[in-house]
Amino acid sequence: YADSVKGRFTISRDGAKMTVYLQMNSLNPEDTAVYSCAGS
């Protein structure tokens, strides 16, 4: 995690659904952005 989101955001994955999630809590205006998923 980036330091700016530690403790507020949680990333997880579901292999059966081939899906990655980003749970975002305690959002603040500084979190406003376009969020993109990426694979490596």
Full PDB file with SEQRES, HELIX, SHEET, SSBOND, CRYST1, ORIGX, SCALE, CONECT and MASTER records, all heavy atoms in Angstrom:
SEQRES   1 A   40  TYR ALA ASP SER VAL LYS GLY ARG PHE THR ILE SER ARG          
SEQRES   2 A   40  ASP GLY ALA LYS MET THR VAL TYR LEU GLN MET ASN SER          
SEQRES   3 A   40  LEU ASN PRO GLU ASP THR ALA VAL TYR SER CYS ALA GLY          
SEQRES   4 A   40  SER                                                          
HELIX    1 AA1 PRO A   29  ASP A   31  5                                   3    
SHEET    1 AA1 2 PHE A   9  ASP A  14  0                                        
SHEET    2 AA1 2 THR A  19  MET A  24 -1                                        
CRYST1    1.000    1.000    1.000  90.00  90.00  90.00 P 1           1          
ORIGX1      1.000000  0.000000  0.000000        0.00000                         
ORIGX2      0.000000  1.000000  0.000000        0.00000                         
ORIGX3      0.000000  0.000000  1.000000        0.00000                         
SCALE1      1.000000  0.000000  0.000000        0.00000                         
SCALE2      0.000000  1.000000  0.000000        0.00000                         
SCALE3      0.000000  0.000000  1.000000        0.00000                         
ATOM      1  N   TYR A   1       0.823  -1.191   0.000  1.00  0.00           N  
ATOM      2  CA  TYR A   1       0.000   0.000   0.000  1.00  0.00           C  
ATOM      3  C   TYR A   1       0.865   1.251   0.000  1.00  0.00           C  
ATOM      4  O   TYR A   1       1.949   1.278   0.581  1.00  0.00           O  
ATOM      5  CB  TYR A   1      -0.887   0.041   1.248  1.00  0.00           C  
ATOM      6  CG  TYR A   1      -1.914  -1.059   1.311  1.00  0.00           C  
ATOM      7  CD1 TYR A   1      -1.646  -2.241   1.987  1.00  0.00           C  
ATOM      8  CD2 TYR A   1      -3.150  -0.915   0.681  1.00  0.00           C  
ATOM      9  CE1 TYR A   1      -2.581  -3.258   2.041  1.00  0.00           C  
ATOM     10  CE2 TYR A   1      -4.099  -1.922   0.731  1.00  0.00           C  
ATOM     11  CZ  TYR A   1      -3.802  -3.095   1.412  1.00  0.00           C  
ATOM     12  OH  TYR A   1      -4.735  -4.100   1.460  1.00  0.00           O  
ATOM     13  N   ALA A   2       0.337   2.286  -0.630  1.00  0.00           N  
ATOM     14  CA  ALA A   2       0.945   3.598  -0.494  1.00  0.00           C  
ATOM     15  C   ALA A   2       0.695   4.100   0.927  1.00  0.00           C  
ATOM     16  O   ALA A   2      -0.347   3.791   1.530  1.00  0.00           O  
ATOM     17  CB  ALA A   2       0.340   4.568  -1.503  1.00  0.00           C  
ATOM     18  N   ASP A   3       1.615   4.854   1.459  1.00  0.00           N  
ATOM     19  CA  ASP A   3       1.475   5.356   2.824  1.00  0.00           C  
ATOM     20  C   ASP A   3       0.196   6.168   2.987  1.00  0.00           C  
ATOM     21  O   ASP A   3      -0.427   6.152   4.056  1.00  0.00           O  
ATOM     22  CB  ASP A   3       2.682   6.220   3.196  1.00  0.00           C  
ATOM     23  CG  ASP A   3       3.939   5.393   3.408  1.00  0.00           C  
ATOM     24  OD1 ASP A   3       3.823   4.160   3.587  1.00  0.00           O  
ATOM     25  OD2 ASP A   3       5.035   5.983   3.384  1.00  0.00           O  
ATOM     26  N   SER A   4      -0.212   6.860   1.946  1.00  0.00           N  
ATOM     27  CA  SER A   4      -1.372   7.747   2.032  1.00  0.00           C  
ATOM     28  C   SER A   4      -2.689   7.000   2.202  1.00  0.00           C  
ATOM     29  O   SER A   4      -3.692   7.609   2.599  1.00  0.00           O  
ATOM     30  CB  SER A   4      -1.446   8.630   0.781  1.00  0.00           C  
ATOM     31  OG  SER A   4      -1.543   7.831  -0.387  1.00  0.00           O  
ATOM     32  N   VAL A   5      -2.696   5.697   1.929  1.00  0.00           N  
ATOM     33  CA  VAL A   5      -3.954   4.945   2.023  1.00  0.00           C  
ATOM     34  C   VAL A   5      -3.902   3.815   3.046  1.00  0.00           C  
ATOM     35  O   VAL A   5      -4.920   3.155   3.293  1.00  0.00           O  
ATOM     36  CB  VAL A   5      -4.373   4.371   0.649  1.00  0.00           C  
ATOM     37  CG1 VAL A   5      -4.419   5.479  -0.401  1.00  0.00           C  
ATOM     38  CG2 VAL A   5      -3.457   3.240   0.212  1.00  0.00           C  
ATOM     39  N   LYS A   6      -2.741   3.594   3.644  1.00  0.00           N  
ATOM     40  CA  LYS A   6      -2.619   2.520   4.638  1.00  0.00           C  
ATOM     41  C   LYS A   6      -3.610   2.717   5.767  1.00  0.00           C  
ATOM     42  O   LYS A   6      -3.762   3.818   6.295  1.00  0.00           O  
ATOM     43  CB  LYS A   6      -1.197   2.480   5.197  1.00  0.00           C  
ATOM     44  CG  LYS A   6      -0.207   1.741   4.344  1.00  0.00           C  
ATOM     45  CD  LYS A   6       1.168   1.727   4.980  1.00  0.00           C  
ATOM     46  CE  LYS A   6       2.178   1.060   4.080  1.00  0.00           C  
ATOM     47  NZ  LYS A   6       3.548   1.114   4.637  1.00  0.00           N  
ATOM     48  N   GLY A   7      -4.282   1.642   6.127  1.00  0.00           N  
ATOM     49  CA  GLY A   7      -5.255   1.711   7.202  1.00  0.00           C  
ATOM     50  C   GLY A   7      -6.636   2.146   6.742  1.00  0.00           C  
ATOM     51  O   GLY A   7      -7.607   2.032   7.504  1.00  0.00           O  
ATOM     52  N   ARG A   8      -6.752   2.647   5.516  1.00  0.00           N  
ATOM     53  CA  ARG A   8      -8.052   3.076   5.001  1.00  0.00           C  
ATOM     54  C   ARG A   8      -8.508   2.222   3.819  1.00  0.00           C  
ATOM     55  O   ARG A   8      -9.697   1.971   3.658  1.00  0.00           O  
ATOM     56  CB  ARG A   8      -7.986   4.539   4.546  1.00  0.00           C  
ATOM     57  CG  ARG A   8      -7.629   5.519   5.643  1.00  0.00           C  
ATOM     58  CD  ARG A   8      -7.786   6.953   5.164  1.00  0.00           C  
ATOM     59  NE  ARG A   8      -6.926   7.279   4.038  1.00  0.00           N  
ATOM     60  CZ  ARG A   8      -7.355   7.770   2.877  1.00  0.00           C  
ATOM     61  NH1 ARG A   8      -8.656   7.975   2.685  1.00  0.00           N  
ATOM     62  NH2 ARG A   8      -6.506   8.055   1.899  1.00  0.00           N  
ATOM     63  N   PHE A   9      -7.561   1.806   2.985  1.00  0.00           N  
ATOM     64  CA  PHE A   9      -7.885   1.028   1.784  1.00  0.00           C  
ATOM     65  C   PHE A   9      -7.435  -0.415   1.969  1.00  0.00           C  
ATOM     66  O   PHE A   9      -6.425  -0.677   2.629  1.00  0.00           O  
ATOM     67  CB  PHE A   9      -7.177   1.599   0.563  1.00  0.00           C  
ATOM     68  CG  PHE A   9      -7.673   2.937   0.089  1.00  0.00           C  
ATOM     69  CD1 PHE A   9      -8.520   3.726   0.859  1.00  0.00           C  
ATOM     70  CD2 PHE A   9      -7.251   3.439  -1.129  1.00  0.00           C  
ATOM     71  CE1 PHE A   9      -8.965   4.958   0.419  1.00  0.00           C  
ATOM     72  CE2 PHE A   9      -7.683   4.670  -1.599  1.00  0.00           C  
ATOM     73  CZ  PHE A   9      -8.534   5.434  -0.813  1.00  0.00           C  
ATOM     74  N   THR A  10      -8.174  -1.335   1.369  1.00  0.00           N  
ATOM     75  CA  THR A  10      -7.820  -2.747   1.401  1.00  0.00           C  
ATOM     76  C   THR A  10      -7.955  -3.334   0.005  1.00  0.00           C  
ATOM     77  O   THR A  10      -9.017  -3.217  -0.614  1.00  0.00           O  
ATOM     78  CB  THR A  10      -8.720  -3.527   2.370  1.00  0.00           C  
ATOM     79  OG1 THR A  10      -8.623  -2.959   3.680  1.00  0.00           O  
ATOM     80  CG2 THR A  10      -8.296  -4.987   2.424  1.00  0.00           C  
ATOM     81  N   ILE A  11      -6.886  -3.956  -0.469  1.00  0.00           N  
ATOM     82  CA  ILE A  11      -6.926  -4.638  -1.759  1.00  0.00           C  
ATOM     83  C   ILE A  11      -7.087  -6.138  -1.518  1.00  0.00           C  
ATOM     84  O   ILE A  11      -6.512  -6.693  -0.576  1.00  0.00           O  
ATOM     85  CB  ILE A  11      -5.650  -4.334  -2.592  1.00  0.00           C  
ATOM     86  CG1 ILE A  11      -5.792  -4.866  -4.021  1.00  0.00           C  
ATOM     87  CG2 ILE A  11      -4.401  -4.880  -1.912  1.00  0.00           C  
ATOM     88  CD1 ILE A  11      -4.668  -4.413  -4.956  1.00  0.00           C  
ATOM     89  N   SER A  12      -7.886  -6.768  -2.364  1.00  0.00           N  
ATOM     90  CA  SER A  12      -8.103  -8.211  -2.248  1.00  0.00           C  
ATOM     91  C   SER A  12      -8.397  -8.775  -3.628  1.00  0.00           C  
ATOM     92  O   SER A  12      -8.595  -8.024  -4.584  1.00  0.00           O  
ATOM     93  CB  SER A  12      -9.261  -8.497  -1.290  1.00  0.00           C  
ATOM     94  OG  SER A  12     -10.469  -7.938  -1.782  1.00  0.00           O  
ATOM     95  N   ARG A  13      -8.406 -10.102  -3.723  1.00  0.00           N  
ATOM     96  CA  ARG A  13      -8.730 -10.722  -5.001  1.00  0.00           C  
ATOM     97  C   ARG A  13      -9.576 -11.953  -4.786  1.00  0.00           C  
ATOM     98  O   ARG A  13      -9.491 -12.618  -3.750  1.00  0.00           O  
ATOM     99  CB  ARG A  13      -7.466 -11.050  -5.825  1.00  0.00           C  
ATOM    100  CG  ARG A  13      -6.800 -12.402  -5.493  1.00  0.00           C  
ATOM    101  CD  ARG A  13      -5.778 -12.229  -4.423  1.00  0.00           C  
ATOM    102  NE  ARG A  13      -4.986 -13.439  -4.237  1.00  0.00           N  
ATOM    103  CZ  ARG A  13      -5.117 -14.245  -3.203  1.00  0.00           C  
ATOM    104  NH1 ARG A  13      -6.040 -13.997  -2.276  1.00  0.00           N  
ATOM    105  NH2 ARG A  13      -4.326 -15.302  -3.080  1.00  0.00           N  
ATOM    106  N   ASP A  14     -10.378 -12.254  -5.809  1.00  0.00           N  
ATOM    107  CA  ASP A  14     -11.218 -13.446  -5.827  1.00  0.00           C  
ATOM    108  C   ASP A  14     -10.852 -14.218  -7.087  1.00  0.00           C  
ATOM    109  O   ASP A  14     -11.205 -13.830  -8.190  1.00  0.00           O  
ATOM    110  CB  ASP A  14     -12.690 -13.040  -5.838  1.00  0.00           C  
ATOM    111  CG  ASP A  14     -13.629 -14.224  -5.777  1.00  0.00           C  
ATOM    112  OD1 ASP A  14     -13.260 -15.306  -6.274  1.00  0.00           O  
ATOM    113  OD2 ASP A  14     -14.738 -14.078  -5.246  1.00  0.00           O  
ATOM    114  N   GLY A  15     -10.107 -15.318  -6.906  1.00  0.00           N  
ATOM    115  CA  GLY A  15      -9.637 -16.069  -8.049  1.00  0.00           C  
ATOM    116  C   GLY A  15     -10.746 -16.655  -8.881  1.00  0.00           C  
ATOM    117  O   GLY A  15     -10.663 -16.694 -10.115  1.00  0.00           O  
ATOM    118  N   ALA A  16     -11.783 -17.108  -8.233  1.00  0.00           N  
ATOM    119  CA  ALA A  16     -12.892 -17.729  -8.975  1.00  0.00           C  
ATOM    120  C   ALA A  16     -13.582 -16.719  -9.884  1.00  0.00           C  
ATOM    121  O   ALA A  16     -14.054 -17.070 -10.966  1.00  0.00           O  
ATOM    122  CB  ALA A  16     -13.896 -18.331  -8.010  1.00  0.00           C  
ATOM    123  N   LYS A  17     -13.629 -15.485  -9.450  1.00  0.00           N  
ATOM    124  CA  LYS A  17     -14.288 -14.442 -10.241  1.00  0.00           C  
ATOM    125  C   LYS A  17     -13.293 -13.640 -11.069  1.00  0.00           C  
ATOM    126  O   LYS A  17     -13.712 -12.721 -11.780  1.00  0.00           O  
ATOM    127  CB  LYS A  17     -15.060 -13.500  -9.319  1.00  0.00           C  
ATOM    128  CG  LYS A  17     -16.211 -14.161  -8.585  1.00  0.00           C  
ATOM    129  CD  LYS A  17     -16.952 -13.159  -7.715  1.00  0.00           C  
ATOM    130  CE  LYS A  17     -18.128 -13.822  -7.006  1.00  0.00           C  
ATOM    131  NZ  LYS A  17     -18.876 -12.873  -6.144  1.00  0.00           N  
ATOM    132  N   MET A  18     -12.006 -13.947 -10.943  1.00  0.00           N  
ATOM    133  CA  MET A  18     -10.964 -13.218 -11.677  1.00  0.00           C  
ATOM    134  C   MET A  18     -11.111 -11.722 -11.441  1.00  0.00           C  
ATOM    135  O   MET A  18     -10.996 -10.906 -12.361  1.00  0.00           O  
ATOM    136  CB  MET A  18     -11.032 -13.536 -13.177  1.00  0.00           C  
ATOM    137  CG  MET A  18     -10.772 -14.985 -13.504  1.00  0.00           C  
ATOM    138  SD  MET A  18      -9.099 -15.476 -13.008  1.00  0.00           S  
ATOM    139  CE  MET A  18      -8.135 -14.561 -14.186  1.00  0.00           C  
ATOM    140  N   THR A  19     -11.318 -11.374 -10.201  1.00  0.00           N  
ATOM    141  CA  THR A  19     -11.611  -9.988  -9.850  1.00  0.00           C  
ATOM    142  C   THR A  19     -10.714  -9.519  -8.714  1.00  0.00           C  
ATOM    143  O   THR A  19     -10.472 -10.256  -7.757  1.00  0.00           O  
ATOM    144  CB  THR A  19     -13.087  -9.836  -9.444  1.00  0.00           C  
ATOM    145  OG1 THR A  19     -13.916 -10.253 -10.530  1.00  0.00           O  
ATOM    146  CG2 THR A  19     -13.411  -8.389  -9.095  1.00  0.00           C  
ATOM    147  N   VAL A  20     -10.235  -8.293  -8.853  1.00  0.00           N  
ATOM    148  CA  VAL A  20      -9.462  -7.625  -7.810  1.00  0.00           C  
ATOM    149  C   VAL A  20     -10.316  -6.466  -7.286  1.00  0.00           C  
ATOM    150  O   VAL A  20     -10.934  -5.745  -8.068  1.00  0.00           O  
ATOM    151  CB  VAL A  20      -8.125  -7.097  -8.355  1.00  0.00           C  
ATOM    152  CG1 VAL A  20      -7.362  -6.337  -7.277  1.00  0.00           C  
ATOM    153  CG2 VAL A  20      -7.284  -8.246  -8.888  1.00  0.00           C  
ATOM    154  N   TYR A  21     -10.317  -6.322  -5.983  1.00  0.00           N  
ATOM    155  CA  TYR A  21     -11.139  -5.291  -5.347  1.00  0.00           C  
ATOM    156  C   TYR A  21     -10.255  -4.267  -4.634  1.00  0.00           C  
ATOM    157  O   TYR A  21      -9.158  -4.577  -4.186  1.00  0.00           O  
ATOM    158  CB  TYR A  21     -12.074  -5.914  -4.317  1.00  0.00           C  
ATOM    159  CG  TYR A  21     -13.007  -6.958  -4.875  1.00  0.00           C  
ATOM    160  CD1 TYR A  21     -12.724  -8.316  -4.733  1.00  0.00           C  
ATOM    161  CD2 TYR A  21     -14.171  -6.591  -5.549  1.00  0.00           C  
ATOM    162  CE1 TYR A  21     -13.574  -9.281  -5.242  1.00  0.00           C  
ATOM    163  CE2 TYR A  21     -15.032  -7.547  -6.066  1.00  0.00           C  
ATOM    164  CZ  TYR A  21     -14.722  -8.892  -5.913  1.00  0.00           C  
ATOM    165  OH  TYR A  21     -15.567  -9.844  -6.427  1.00  0.00           O  
ATOM    166  N   LEU A  22     -10.801  -3.069  -4.531  1.00  0.00           N  
ATOM    167  CA  LEU A  22     -10.176  -2.038  -3.699  1.00  0.00           C  
ATOM    168  C   LEU A  22     -11.271  -1.448  -2.828  1.00  0.00           C  
ATOM    169  O   LEU A  22     -12.119  -0.696  -3.311  1.00  0.00           O  
ATOM    170  CB  LEU A  22      -9.506  -0.956  -4.544  1.00  0.00           C  
ATOM    171  CG  LEU A  22      -8.738   0.091  -3.735  1.00  0.00           C  
ATOM    172  CD1 LEU A  22      -7.502  -0.548  -3.074  1.00  0.00           C  
ATOM    173  CD2 LEU A  22      -8.310   1.274  -4.604  1.00  0.00           C  
ATOM    174  N   GLN A  23     -11.274  -1.842  -1.561  1.00  0.00           N  
ATOM    175  CA  GLN A  23     -12.211  -1.296  -0.599  1.00  0.00           C  
ATOM    176  C   GLN A  23     -11.621  -0.011  -0.042  1.00  0.00           C  
ATOM    177  O   GLN A  23     -10.519  -0.031   0.523  1.00  0.00           O  
ATOM    178  CB  GLN A  23     -12.472  -2.288   0.524  1.00  0.00           C  
ATOM    179  CG  GLN A  23     -13.398  -1.779   1.614  1.00  0.00           C  
ATOM    180  CD  GLN A  23     -14.812  -1.548   1.125  1.00  0.00           C  
ATOM    181  OE1 GLN A  23     -15.370  -2.372   0.409  1.00  0.00           O  
ATOM    182  NE2 GLN A  23     -15.408  -0.426   1.514  1.00  0.00           N  
ATOM    183  N   MET A  24     -12.350   1.085  -0.204  1.00  0.00           N  
ATOM    184  CA  MET A  24     -11.851   2.390   0.217  1.00  0.00           C  
ATOM    185  C   MET A  24     -12.753   2.949   1.300  1.00  0.00           C  
ATOM    186  O   MET A  24     -13.952   3.190   1.060  1.00  0.00           O  
ATOM    187  CB  MET A  24     -11.802   3.344  -0.981  1.00  0.00           C  
ATOM    188  CG  MET A  24     -11.013   2.794  -2.163  1.00  0.00           C  
ATOM    189  SD  MET A  24     -10.822   3.985  -3.501  1.00  0.00           S  
ATOM    190  CE  MET A  24     -12.521   4.172  -4.021  1.00  0.00           C  
ATOM    191  N   ASN A  25     -12.203   3.141   2.481  1.00  0.00           N  
ATOM    192  CA  ASN A  25     -12.940   3.679   3.622  1.00  0.00           C  
ATOM    193  C   ASN A  25     -12.354   5.028   4.038  1.00  0.00           C  
ATOM    194  O   ASN A  25     -11.235   5.370   3.664  1.00  0.00           O  
ATOM    195  CB  ASN A  25     -12.902   2.705   4.792  1.00  0.00           C  
ATOM    196  CG  ASN A  25     -13.518   1.365   4.468  1.00  0.00           C  
ATOM    197  OD1 ASN A  25     -14.464   1.265   3.681  1.00  0.00           O  
ATOM    198  ND2 ASN A  25     -12.995   0.313   5.074  1.00  0.00           N  
ATOM    199  N   SER A  26     -13.119   5.767   4.807  1.00  0.00           N  
ATOM    200  CA  SER A  26     -12.675   7.065   5.324  1.00  0.00           C  
ATOM    201  C   SER A  26     -12.137   7.946   4.205  1.00  0.00           C  
ATOM    202  O   SER A  26     -11.072   8.552   4.321  1.00  0.00           O  
ATOM    203  CB  SER A  26     -11.603   6.866   6.407  1.00  0.00           C  
ATOM    204  OG  SER A  26     -12.100   6.090   7.465  1.00  0.00           O  
ATOM    205  N   LEU A  27     -12.879   8.006   3.139  1.00  0.00           N  
ATOM    206  CA  LEU A  27     -12.436   8.783   1.984  1.00  0.00           C  
ATOM    207  C   LEU A  27     -12.413  10.267   2.292  1.00  0.00           C  
ATOM    208  O   LEU A  27     -13.231  10.775   3.073  1.00  0.00           O  
ATOM    209  CB  LEU A  27     -13.350   8.514   0.790  1.00  0.00           C  
ATOM    210  CG  LEU A  27     -13.148   7.145   0.124  1.00  0.00           C  
ATOM    211  CD1 LEU A  27     -14.357   6.763  -0.715  1.00  0.00           C  
ATOM    212  CD2 LEU A  27     -11.892   7.148  -0.723  1.00  0.00           C  
ATOM    213  N   ASN A  28     -11.474  10.963   1.693  1.00  0.00           N  
ATOM    214  CA  ASN A  28     -11.390  12.408   1.838  1.00  0.00           C  
ATOM    215  C   ASN A  28     -11.207  13.032   0.453  1.00  0.00           C  
ATOM    216  O   ASN A  28     -10.904  12.323  -0.518  1.00  0.00           O  
ATOM    217  CB  ASN A  28     -10.259  12.798   2.788  1.00  0.00           C  
ATOM    218  CG  ASN A  28      -8.913  12.265   2.337  1.00  0.00           C  
ATOM    219  OD1 ASN A  28      -8.436  12.625   1.268  1.00  0.00           O  
ATOM    220  ND2 ASN A  28      -8.305  11.404   3.147  1.00  0.00           N  
ATOM    221  N   PRO A  29     -11.410  14.334   0.328  1.00  0.00           N  
ATOM    222  CA  PRO A  29     -11.342  14.969  -1.001  1.00  0.00           C  
ATOM    223  C   PRO A  29     -10.022  14.733  -1.725  1.00  0.00           C  
ATOM    224  O   PRO A  29      -9.994  14.733  -2.960  1.00  0.00           O  
ATOM    225  CB  PRO A  29     -11.565  16.447  -0.676  1.00  0.00           C  
ATOM    226  CG  PRO A  29     -12.432  16.427   0.544  1.00  0.00           C  
ATOM    227  CD  PRO A  29     -11.924  15.267   1.345  1.00  0.00           C  
ATOM    228  N   GLU A  30      -8.946  14.520  -0.985  1.00  0.00           N  
ATOM    229  CA  GLU A  30      -7.645  14.263  -1.612  1.00  0.00           C  
ATOM    230  C   GLU A  30      -7.601  12.916  -2.336  1.00  0.00           C  
ATOM    231  O   GLU A  30      -6.672  12.647  -3.100  1.00  0.00           O  
ATOM    232  CB  GLU A  30      -6.521  14.328  -0.588  1.00  0.00           C  
ATOM    233  CG  GLU A  30      -6.222  15.726  -0.034  1.00  0.00           C  
ATOM    234  CD  GLU A  30      -7.322  16.245   0.875  1.00  0.00           C  
ATOM    235  OE1 GLU A  30      -7.893  15.438   1.637  1.00  0.00           O  
ATOM    236  OE2 GLU A  30      -7.626  17.461   0.800  1.00  0.00           O  
ATOM    237  N   ASP A  31      -8.586  12.064  -2.088  1.00  0.00           N  
ATOM    238  CA  ASP A  31      -8.654  10.771  -2.777  1.00  0.00           C  
ATOM    239  C   ASP A  31      -9.345  10.885  -4.134  1.00  0.00           C  
ATOM    240  O   ASP A  31      -9.406   9.899  -4.871  1.00  0.00           O  
ATOM    241  CB  ASP A  31      -9.407   9.752  -1.920  1.00  0.00           C  
ATOM    242  CG  ASP A  31      -8.694   9.434  -0.621  1.00  0.00           C  
ATOM    243  OD1 ASP A  31      -7.460   9.231  -0.654  1.00  0.00           O  
ATOM    244  OD2 ASP A  31      -9.368   9.389   0.424  1.00  0.00           O  
ATOM    245  N   THR A  32      -9.861  12.037  -4.467  1.00  0.00           N  
ATOM    246  CA  THR A  32     -10.517  12.242  -5.748  1.00  0.00           C  
ATOM    247  C   THR A  32      -9.535  12.040  -6.896  1.00  0.00           C  
ATOM    248  O   THR A  32      -8.475  12.665  -6.926  1.00  0.00           O  
ATOM    249  CB  THR A  32     -11.120  13.657  -5.824  1.00  0.00           C  
ATOM    250  OG1 THR A  32     -12.165  13.772  -4.853  1.00  0.00           O  
ATOM    251  CG2 THR A  32     -11.684  13.934  -7.211  1.00  0.00           C  
ATOM    252  N   ALA A  33      -9.881  11.131  -7.815  1.00  0.00           N  
ATOM    253  CA  ALA A  33      -8.990  10.807  -8.922  1.00  0.00           C  
ATOM    254  C   ALA A  33      -9.670   9.787  -9.826  1.00  0.00           C  
ATOM    255  O   ALA A  33     -10.712   9.227  -9.472  1.00  0.00           O  
ATOM    256  CB  ALA A  33      -7.671  10.223  -8.401  1.00  0.00           C  
ATOM    257  N   VAL A  34      -9.045   9.544 -10.961  1.00  0.00           N  
ATOM    258  CA  VAL A  34      -9.412   8.396 -11.785  1.00  0.00           C  
ATOM    259  C   VAL A  34      -8.569   7.219 -11.303  1.00  0.00           C  
ATOM    260  O   VAL A  34      -7.329   7.299 -11.275  1.00  0.00           O  
ATOM    261  CB  VAL A  34      -9.158   8.649 -13.277  1.00  0.00           C  
ATOM    262  CG1 VAL A  34      -9.419   7.388 -14.083  1.00  0.00           C  
ATOM    263  CG2 VAL A  34     -10.034   9.792 -13.768  1.00  0.00           C  
ATOM    264  N   TYR A  35      -9.240   6.155 -10.934  1.00  0.00           N  
ATOM    265  CA  TYR A  35      -8.557   4.960 -10.410  1.00  0.00           C  
ATOM    266  C   TYR A  35      -8.490   3.908 -11.516  1.00  0.00           C  
ATOM    267  O   TYR A  35      -9.512   3.561 -12.121  1.00  0.00           O  
ATOM    268  CB  TYR A  35      -9.315   4.409  -9.216  1.00  0.00           C  
ATOM    269  CG  TYR A  35      -9.101   5.219  -7.961  1.00  0.00           C  
ATOM    270  CD1 TYR A  35      -9.649   6.498  -7.827  1.00  0.00           C  
ATOM    271  CD2 TYR A  35      -8.340   4.727  -6.908  1.00  0.00           C  
ATOM    272  CE1 TYR A  35      -9.433   7.261  -6.702  1.00  0.00           C  
ATOM    273  CE2 TYR A  35      -8.133   5.475  -5.755  1.00  0.00           C  
ATOM    274  CZ  TYR A  35      -8.683   6.742  -5.671  1.00  0.00           C  
ATOM    275  OH  TYR A  35      -8.476   7.496  -4.533  1.00  0.00           O  
ATOM    276  N   SER A  36      -7.288   3.398 -11.729  1.00  0.00           N  
ATOM    277  CA  SER A  36      -7.072   2.413 -12.788  1.00  0.00           C  
ATOM    278  C   SER A  36      -6.473   1.138 -12.229  1.00  0.00           C  
ATOM    279  O   SER A  36      -5.605   1.175 -11.344  1.00  0.00           O  
ATOM    280  CB  SER A  36      -6.120   2.974 -13.852  1.00  0.00           C  
ATOM    281  OG  SER A  36      -6.673   4.109 -14.487  1.00  0.00           O  
ATOM    282  N   CYS A  37      -6.943   0.052 -12.785  1.00  0.00           N  
ATOM    283  CA  CYS A  37      -6.421  -1.264 -12.461  1.00  0.00           C  
ATOM    284  C   CYS A  37      -5.287  -1.587 -13.436  1.00  0.00           C  
ATOM    285  O   CYS A  37      -5.355  -1.206 -14.612  1.00  0.00           O  
ATOM    286  CB  CYS A  37      -7.557  -2.270 -12.590  1.00  0.00           C  
ATOM    287  SG  CYS A  37      -7.113  -3.985 -12.365  1.00  0.00           S  
ATOM    288  N   ALA A  38      -4.277  -2.284 -12.962  1.00  0.00           N  
ATOM    289  CA  ALA A  38      -3.152  -2.632 -13.822  1.00  0.00           C  
ATOM    290  C   ALA A  38      -2.645  -4.026 -13.491  1.00  0.00           C  
ATOM    291  O   ALA A  38      -2.768  -4.477 -12.351  1.00  0.00           O  
ATOM    292  CB  ALA A  38      -2.027  -1.617 -13.653  1.00  0.00           C  
ATOM    293  N   GLY A  39      -2.063  -4.677 -14.497  1.00  0.00           N  
ATOM    294  CA  GLY A  39      -1.533  -6.014 -14.302  1.00  0.00           C  
ATOM    295  C   GLY A  39      -0.084  -6.108 -14.749  1.00  0.00           C  
ATOM    296  O   GLY A  39       0.294  -5.499 -15.755  1.00  0.00           O  
ATOM    297  N   SER A  40       0.701  -6.868 -13.998  1.00  0.00           N  
ATOM    298  CA  SER A  40       2.115  -7.020 -14.315  1.00  0.00           C  
ATOM    299  C   SER A  40       2.519  -8.485 -14.289  1.00  0.00           C  
ATOM    300  O   SER A  40       2.161  -9.213 -13.372  1.00  0.00           O  
ATOM    301  CB  SER A  40       2.963  -6.232 -13.318  1.00  0.00           C  
ATOM    302  OG  SER A  40       4.334  -6.502 -13.518  1.00  0.00           O  
TER     303      SER A  40                                                      
MASTER        0    0    0    1    2    0    0    6  302    1    0    4          
END                                                                             
